[in-house]
Amino acid sequence: MHKLKPIVAATPEALAGALGLSSAEAREWRVQHALLTRLKEIVREQQFTHAEIARRSRTSRTRVTAILNDDLEHVSTDLLIRILASLGYQVKVSVVKTRTAA
């Protein structure tokens, strides 16, 4: 039997490359990860329950639990923003020019 060798990716871009995905998808992962990281900090600091977050953001507790356990599959950036807004937070967006265009 052939043994699989794990691939370690340090950045979303590297992971996207290893999976054959576009750099645009990697950038979206980076944004979602930043939103998720902040959401988890807020939940920890404010001690929100998953049920309370679900009620406020009008989504299911199961979905909230999955998100807070780093499962962002089938989760849109706008859902993360809606959850943060329902907890009383505003998301600010900044657009800056990069050195190289993708």
Protein backbone atom coordinates (compact mmCIF):
# COMPACT_ATOMS: atom_id res chain seq x y z
CA MET A 1 0.00 0.00 0.00
CA HIS A 2 1.23 3.47 -0.91
CA LYS A 3 1.79 5.79 2.06
CA LEU A 4 0.58 9.36 1.61
CA LYS A 5 2.92 12.18 2.51
CA PRO A 6 1.22 15.13 4.23
CA ILE A 7 1.58 18.58 2.72
CA VAL A 8 2.16 21.44 5.14
CA ALA A 9 1.09 24.89 3.98
CA ALA A 10 2.04 27.97 5.98
CA THR A 11 -0.30 30.40 4.22
CA PRO A 12 -3.71 30.29 2.57
CA GLU A 13 -1.97 30.97 -0.74
CA ALA A 14 0.32 27.98 -0.28
CA LEU A 15 -2.62 25.78 0.67
CA ALA A 16 -4.59 26.97 -2.36
CA GLY A 17 -1.59 26.19 -4.57
CA ALA A 18 -1.24 22.70 -3.09
CA LEU A 19 -4.95 22.08 -3.71
CA GLY A 20 -4.86 23.54 -7.21
CA LEU A 21 -7.11 26.45 -6.31
CA SER A 22 -6.84 30.06 -7.38
CA SER A 23 -5.09 32.85 -5.49
CA ALA A 24 -8.46 34.64 -5.34
CA GLU A 25 -9.86 31.75 -3.29
CA ALA A 26 -6.83 31.97 -1.02
CA ARG A 27 -7.46 35.66 -0.43
CA GLU A 28 -11.09 34.91 0.43
CA TRP A 29 -9.91 32.30 2.95
CA ARG A 30 -7.63 34.92 4.50
CA VAL A 31 -10.55 37.35 4.95
CA GLN A 32 -12.79 34.63 6.39
CA HIS A 33 -10.05 33.51 8.76
CA ALA A 34 -9.57 37.08 10.02
CA LEU A 35 -13.32 37.41 10.63
CA LEU A 36 -13.45 34.02 12.34
CA THR A 37 -10.47 34.80 14.56
CA ARG A 38 -12.09 38.03 15.74
CA LEU A 39 -15.47 36.32 16.22
CA LYS A 40 -13.88 33.66 18.43
CA GLU A 41 -12.16 36.36 20.51
CA ILE A 42 -15.47 38.18 21.00
CA VAL A 43 -17.30 34.98 21.96
CA ARG A 44 -14.58 34.15 24.49
CA GLU A 45 -14.44 37.69 25.94
CA GLN A 46 -18.22 38.23 26.10
CA GLN A 47 -19.02 34.60 26.98
CA PHE A 48 -21.79 34.31 24.40
CA THR A 49 -23.42 30.89 24.11
CA HIS A 50 -23.78 29.26 20.73
CA ALA A 51 -27.56 29.38 21.17
CA GLU A 52 -27.48 33.13 21.87
CA ILE A 53 -25.33 33.79 18.79
CA ALA A 54 -27.66 31.65 16.66
CA ARG A 55 -30.76 33.46 17.93
CA ARG A 56 -29.27 36.91 17.38
CA SER A 57 -27.91 36.14 13.90
CA ARG A 58 -30.93 34.09 12.80
CA THR A 59 -28.97 30.98 11.94
CA SER A 60 -28.88 27.52 13.52
CA ARG A 61 -26.95 26.67 16.66
CA THR A 62 -25.44 23.72 14.78
CA ARG A 63 -24.07 26.10 12.16
CA VAL A 64 -22.68 28.47 14.80
CA THR A 65 -20.98 25.55 16.54
CA ALA A 66 -19.44 24.37 13.26
CA ILE A 67 -18.17 27.88 12.47
CA LEU A 68 -16.65 28.31 15.93
CA ASN A 69 -14.95 24.92 15.45
CA ASP A 70 -13.20 26.28 12.32
CA ASP A 71 -15.53 24.62 9.80
CA LEU A 72 -15.96 27.34 7.18
CA GLU A 73 -17.05 25.00 4.40
CA HIS A 74 -20.20 26.44 2.81
CA VAL A 75 -19.93 29.57 5.00
CA SER A 76 -20.00 32.89 3.21
CA THR A 77 -18.14 35.98 4.28
CA ASP A 78 -21.45 37.82 4.56
CA LEU A 79 -22.70 35.27 7.13
CA LEU A 80 -19.63 35.91 9.28
CA ILE A 81 -20.25 39.67 8.97
CA ARG A 82 -23.93 39.17 9.86
CA ILE A 83 -22.99 37.19 12.97
CA LEU A 84 -20.51 39.85 14.07
CA ALA A 85 -23.09 42.60 13.45
CA SER A 86 -25.71 40.71 15.46
CA LEU A 87 -23.29 40.76 18.41
CA GLY A 88 -22.89 44.53 18.12
CA TYR A 89 -19.72 44.75 16.05
CA GLN A 90 -19.04 46.54 12.78
CA VAL A 91 -16.70 45.17 10.13
CA LYS A 92 -14.53 47.74 8.41
CA VAL A 93 -13.06 46.97 5.00
CA SER A 94 -9.78 48.30 3.71
CA VAL A 95 -8.65 48.02 0.11
CA VAL A 96 -4.96 48.56 -0.67
CA LYS A 97 -2.93 48.05 -3.81
CA THR A 98 -0.55 45.11 -3.75
CA ARG A 99 2.84 45.01 -5.38
CA THR A 100 1.79 42.36 -7.85
CA ALA A 101 -1.60 41.80 -9.40
CA ALA A 102 -2.95 38.26 -9.53
